[in-house]
Amino acid sequence: MQAIFASAIQMAAEGETHQDTKPLKGYGGRSVVEVISDDRGDTYRAVYTIRFKEVVYVLQVFKKKSTKGIAVPKKDRELLEKRLKSAAAHYKEWLKSERI
Protein backbone atom coordinates (compact mmCIF):
# COMPACT_ATOMS: atom_id res chain seq x y z
CA MET A 1 0.00 0.00 0.00
CA GLN A 2 2.71 2.50 0.96
CA ALA A 3 4.69 1.65 -2.16
CA ILE A 4 1.67 2.34 -4.36
CA PHE A 5 1.06 5.70 -2.69
CA ALA A 6 4.71 6.69 -2.90
CA SER A 7 4.91 5.69 -6.54
CA ALA A 8 1.74 7.59 -7.46
CA ILE A 9 2.93 10.77 -5.72
CA GLN A 10 6.41 10.50 -7.26
CA MET A 11 4.90 10.05 -10.71
CA ALA A 12 2.64 13.08 -10.16
CA ALA A 13 5.70 15.15 -9.22
CA GLU A 14 7.25 14.10 -12.54
CA GLY A 15 4.10 15.03 -14.49
CA GLU A 16 2.96 11.46 -15.01
CA THR A 17 -0.17 9.58 -13.94
CA HIS A 18 -0.12 6.34 -11.96
CA GLN A 19 -2.48 3.65 -13.21
CA ASP A 20 -4.29 3.42 -9.85
CA THR A 21 -5.22 7.11 -9.64
CA LYS A 22 -8.53 8.74 -10.39
CA PRO A 23 -9.97 12.22 -9.95
CA LEU A 24 -11.72 12.78 -6.64
CA LYS A 25 -15.32 13.63 -7.43
CA GLY A 26 -16.52 17.09 -6.54
CA TYR A 27 -13.25 18.93 -7.18
CA GLY A 28 -13.63 19.84 -10.84
CA GLY A 29 -11.56 17.56 -13.01
CA ARG A 30 -8.19 15.99 -12.38
CA SER A 31 -6.67 18.58 -10.06
CA VAL A 32 -7.46 16.61 -6.89
CA VAL A 33 -6.55 12.95 -7.24
CA GLU A 34 -7.01 9.87 -5.11
CA VAL A 35 -5.22 6.57 -4.98
CA ILE A 36 -7.05 3.67 -3.38
CA SER A 37 -5.25 0.61 -2.06
CA ASP A 38 -6.38 -2.44 -0.13
CA ASP A 39 -4.23 -3.99 2.58
CA ARG A 40 -5.20 -6.89 4.83
CA GLY A 41 -8.91 -6.39 4.25
CA ASP A 42 -8.85 -2.63 4.84
CA THR A 43 -9.08 0.13 2.24
CA TYR A 44 -6.80 3.15 2.34
CA ARG A 45 -6.85 6.36 0.32
CA ALA A 46 -4.20 8.93 -0.43
CA VAL A 47 -5.48 12.24 -1.74
CA TYR A 48 -3.23 14.85 -3.30
CA THR A 49 -3.52 17.84 -5.58
CA ILE A 50 -1.67 18.69 -8.75
CA ARG A 51 -3.57 21.98 -9.06
CA PHE A 52 -0.43 24.05 -8.58
CA LYS A 53 2.41 24.21 -11.07
CA GLU A 54 5.72 22.74 -9.89
CA VAL A 55 4.41 21.23 -6.66
CA VAL A 56 2.31 18.31 -5.40
CA TYR A 57 0.51 18.70 -2.09
CA VAL A 58 -0.50 15.54 -0.26
CA LEU A 59 -3.75 16.48 1.42
CA GLN A 60 -4.58 13.36 3.35
CA VAL A 61 -3.93 9.64 3.71
CA PHE A 62 -6.57 7.72 5.60
CA LYS A 63 -8.21 4.40 6.23
CA LYS A 64 -11.68 4.26 4.79
CA LYS A 65 -13.96 3.34 7.66
CA SER A 66 -17.37 3.71 6.04
CA THR A 67 -19.16 0.46 5.40
CA LYS A 68 -21.63 2.14 3.04
CA GLY A 69 -20.67 3.19 -0.46
CA ILE A 70 -17.45 4.61 -1.78
CA ALA A 71 -17.97 8.24 -0.86
CA VAL A 72 -15.39 10.07 1.23
CA PRO A 73 -16.85 10.49 4.73
CA LYS A 74 -18.02 14.03 5.60
CA LYS A 75 -15.35 14.50 8.28
CA ASP A 76 -12.58 13.56 5.87
CA ARG A 77 -14.05 15.73 3.08
CA GLU A 78 -14.14 18.74 5.43
CA LEU A 79 -10.49 18.16 6.33
CA LEU A 80 -9.60 17.87 2.64
CA GLU A 81 -11.31 21.20 1.93
CA LYS A 82 -9.39 22.87 4.76
CA ARG A 83 -6.07 21.44 3.62
CA LEU A 84 -6.71 22.37 0.00
CA LYS A 85 -7.27 25.99 1.07
CA SER A 86 -4.08 25.86 3.15
CA ALA A 87 -2.17 24.46 0.18
CA ALA A 88 -3.43 27.30 -2.01
CA ALA A 89 -2.33 29.88 0.56
CA HIS A 90 1.06 28.20 0.99
CA TYR A 91 1.59 28.06 -2.77
CA LYS A 92 0.72 31.74 -3.13
CA GLU A 93 3.28 32.68 -0.46
CA TRP A 94 5.87 30.37 -2.03
CA LEU A 95 5.41 32.10 -5.39
CA LYS A 96 5.95 35.48 -3.76
CA SER A 97 9.18 34.32 -2.12
CA GLU A 98 10.46 32.89 -5.42
CA ARG A 99 10.07 36.26 -7.14
CA ILE A 100 12.19 38.12 -4.59
C-alpha atoms as a PDB file:
ATOM      1  CA  MET A   1       0.000   0.000   0.000  1.00  0.00           C
ATOM      2  CA  GLN A   2       2.709   2.497   0.964  1.00  0.00           C
ATOM      3  CA  ALA A   3       4.691   1.648  -2.158  1.00  0.00           C
ATOM      4  CA  ILE A   4       1.667   2.341  -4.364  1.00  0.00           C
ATOM      5  CA  PHE A   5       1.057   5.705  -2.691  1.00  0.00           C
ATOM      6  CA  ALA A   6       4.711   6.694  -2.895  1.00  0.00           C
ATOM      7  CA  SER A   7       4.913   5.687  -6.536  1.00  0.00           C
ATOM      8  CA  ALA A   8       1.742   7.594  -7.457  1.00  0.00           C
ATOM      9  CA  ILE A   9       2.931  10.766  -5.724  1.00  0.00           C
ATOM     10  CA  GLN A  10       6.411  10.500  -7.260  1.00  0.00           C
ATOM     11  CA  MET A  11       4.903  10.045 -10.711  1.00  0.00           C
ATOM     12  CA  ALA A  12       2.645  13.076 -10.165  1.00  0.00           C
ATOM     13  CA  ALA A  13       5.703  15.146  -9.225  1.00  0.00           C
ATOM     14  CA  GLU A  14       7.252  14.101 -12.542  1.00  0.00           C
ATOM     15  CA  GLY A  15       4.104  15.030 -14.487  1.00  0.00           C
ATOM     16  CA  GLU A  16       2.961  11.456 -15.009  1.00  0.00           C
ATOM     17  CA  THR A  17      -0.174   9.582 -13.937  1.00  0.00           C
ATOM     18  CA  HIS A  18      -0.120   6.340 -11.960  1.00  0.00           C
ATOM     19  CA  GLN A  19      -2.484   3.645 -13.213  1.00  0.00           C
ATOM     20  CA  ASP A  20      -4.285   3.417  -9.853  1.00  0.00           C
ATOM     21  CA  THR A  21      -5.216   7.106  -9.635  1.00  0.00           C
ATOM     22  CA  LYS A  22      -8.528   8.739 -10.390  1.00  0.00           C
ATOM     23  CA  PRO A  23      -9.970  12.221  -9.953  1.00  0.00           C
ATOM     24  CA  LEU A  24     -11.719  12.778  -6.640  1.00  0.00           C
ATOM     25  CA  LYS A  25     -15.321  13.630  -7.434  1.00  0.00           C
ATOM     26  CA  GLY A  26     -16.521  17.090  -6.539  1.00  0.00           C
ATOM     27  CA  TYR A  27     -13.250  18.930  -7.179  1.00  0.00           C
ATOM     28  CA  GLY A  28     -13.629  19.839 -10.841  1.00  0.00           C
ATOM     29  CA  GLY A  29     -11.563  17.555 -13.013  1.00  0.00           C
ATOM     30  CA  ARG A  30      -8.186  15.991 -12.380  1.00  0.00           C
ATOM     31  CA  SER A  31      -6.672  18.577 -10.062  1.00  0.00           C
ATOM     32  CA  VAL A  32      -7.458  16.606  -6.890  1.00  0.00           C
ATOM     33  CA  VAL A  33      -6.553  12.955  -7.244  1.00  0.00           C
ATOM     34  CA  GLU A  34      -7.015   9.869  -5.107  1.00  0.00           C
ATOM     35  CA  VAL A  35      -5.217   6.567  -4.984  1.00  0.00           C
ATOM     36  CA  ILE A  36      -7.046   3.665  -3.385  1.00  0.00           C
ATOM     37  CA  SER A  37      -5.252   0.609  -2.058  1.00  0.00           C
ATOM     38  CA  ASP A  38      -6.380  -2.439  -0.125  1.00  0.00           C
ATOM     39  CA  ASP A  39      -4.228  -3.988   2.581  1.00  0.00           C
ATOM     40  CA  ARG A  40      -5.196  -6.895   4.833  1.00  0.00           C
ATOM     41  CA  GLY A  41      -8.905  -6.395   4.252  1.00  0.00           C
ATOM     42  CA  ASP A  42      -8.853  -2.626   4.839  1.00  0.00           C
ATOM     43  CA  THR A  43      -9.082   0.126   2.236  1.00  0.00           C
ATOM     44  CA  TYR A  44      -6.803   3.153   2.339  1.00  0.00           C
ATOM     45  CA  ARG A  45      -6.852   6.361   0.321  1.00  0.00           C
ATOM     46  CA  ALA A  46      -4.198   8.935  -0.427  1.00  0.00           C
ATOM     47  CA  VAL A  47      -5.480  12.244  -1.740  1.00  0.00           C
ATOM     48  CA  TYR A  48      -3.233  14.854  -3.305  1.00  0.00           C
ATOM     49  CA  THR A  49      -3.517  17.844  -5.581  1.00  0.00           C
ATOM     50  CA  ILE A  50      -1.671  18.690  -8.754  1.00  0.00           C
ATOM     51  CA  ARG A  51      -3.572  21.978  -9.062  1.00  0.00           C
ATOM     52  CA  PHE A  52      -0.433  24.054  -8.583  1.00  0.00           C
ATOM     53  CA  LYS A  53       2.414  24.213 -11.073  1.00  0.00           C
ATOM     54  CA  GLU A  54       5.723  22.738  -9.893  1.00  0.00           C
ATOM     55  CA  VAL A  55       4.407  21.234  -6.656  1.00  0.00           C
ATOM     56  CA  VAL A  56       2.305  18.313  -5.405  1.00  0.00           C
ATOM     57  CA  TYR A  57       0.512  18.696  -2.093  1.00  0.00           C
ATOM     58  CA  VAL A  58      -0.498  15.538  -0.257  1.00  0.00           C
ATOM     59  CA  LEU A  59      -3.747  16.484   1.417  1.00  0.00           C
ATOM     60  CA  GLN A  60      -4.582  13.361   3.352  1.00  0.00           C
ATOM     61  CA  VAL A  61      -3.927   9.642   3.713  1.00  0.00           C
ATOM     62  CA  PHE A  62      -6.575   7.723   5.598  1.00  0.00           C
ATOM     63  CA  LYS A  63      -8.208   4.401   6.227  1.00  0.00           C
ATOM     64  CA  LYS A  64     -11.685   4.258   4.792  1.00  0.00           C
ATOM     65  CA  LYS A  65     -13.958   3.338   7.664  1.00  0.00           C
ATOM     66  CA  SER A  66     -17.371   3.708   6.043  1.00  0.00           C
ATOM     67  CA  THR A  67     -19.164   0.464   5.397  1.00  0.00           C
ATOM     68  CA  LYS A  68     -21.625   2.144   3.036  1.00  0.00           C
ATOM     69  CA  GLY A  69     -20.671   3.187  -0.461  1.00  0.00           C
ATOM     70  CA  ILE A  70     -17.445   4.608  -1.781  1.00  0.00           C
ATOM     71  CA  ALA A  71     -17.966   8.244  -0.863  1.00  0.00           C
ATOM     72  CA  VAL A  72     -15.395  10.073   1.228  1.00  0.00           C
ATOM     73  CA  PRO A  73     -16.851  10.488   4.731  1.00  0.00           C
ATOM     74  CA  LYS A  74     -18.016  14.026   5.598  1.00  0.00           C
ATOM     75  CA  LYS A  75     -15.351  14.496   8.285  1.00  0.00           C
ATOM     76  CA  ASP A  76     -12.579  13.558   5.865  1.00  0.00           C
ATOM     77  CA  ARG A  77     -14.047  15.728   3.080  1.00  0.00           C
ATOM     78  CA  GLU A  78     -14.139  18.744   5.427  1.00  0.00           C
ATOM     79  CA  LEU A  79     -10.494  18.155   6.335  1.00  0.00           C
ATOM     80  CA  LEU A  80      -9.605  17.871   2.644  1.00  0.00           C
ATOM     81  CA  GLU A  81     -11.305  21.199   1.930  1.00  0.00           C
ATOM     82  CA  LYS A  82      -9.394  22.871   4.762  1.00  0.00           C
ATOM     83  CA  ARG A  83      -6.067  21.439   3.616  1.00  0.00           C
ATOM     84  CA  LEU A  84      -6.706  22.375   0.002  1.00  0.00           C
ATOM     85  CA  LYS A  85      -7.267  25.989   1.073  1.00  0.00           C
ATOM     86  CA  SER A  86      -4.082  25.860   3.152  1.00  0.00           C
ATOM     87  CA  ALA A  87      -2.167  24.457   0.180  1.00  0.00           C
ATOM     88  CA  ALA A  88      -3.427  27.300  -2.014  1.00  0.00           C
ATOM     89  CA  ALA A  89      -2.334  29.884   0.561  1.00  0.00           C
ATOM     90  CA  HIS A  90       1.059  28.202   0.992  1.00  0.00           C
ATOM     91  CA  TYR A  91       1.593  28.064  -2.771  1.00  0.00           C
ATOM     92  CA  LYS A  92       0.720  31.738  -3.131  1.00  0.00           C
ATOM     93  CA  GLU A  93       3.284  32.675  -0.462  1.00  0.00           C
ATOM     94  CA  TRP A  94       5.866  30.371  -2.027  1.00  0.00           C
ATOM     95  CA  LEU A  95       5.408  32.101  -5.393  1.00  0.00           C
ATOM     96  CA  LYS A  96       5.952  35.479  -3.760  1.00  0.00           C
ATOM     97  CA  SER A  97       9.181  34.321  -2.123  1.00  0.00           C
ATOM     98  CA  GLU A  98      10.460  32.893  -5.418  1.00  0.00           C
ATOM     99  CA  ARG A  99      10.069  36.259  -7.139  1.00  0.00           C
ATOM    100  CA  ILE A 100      12.186  38.121  -4.593  1.00  0.00           C
END
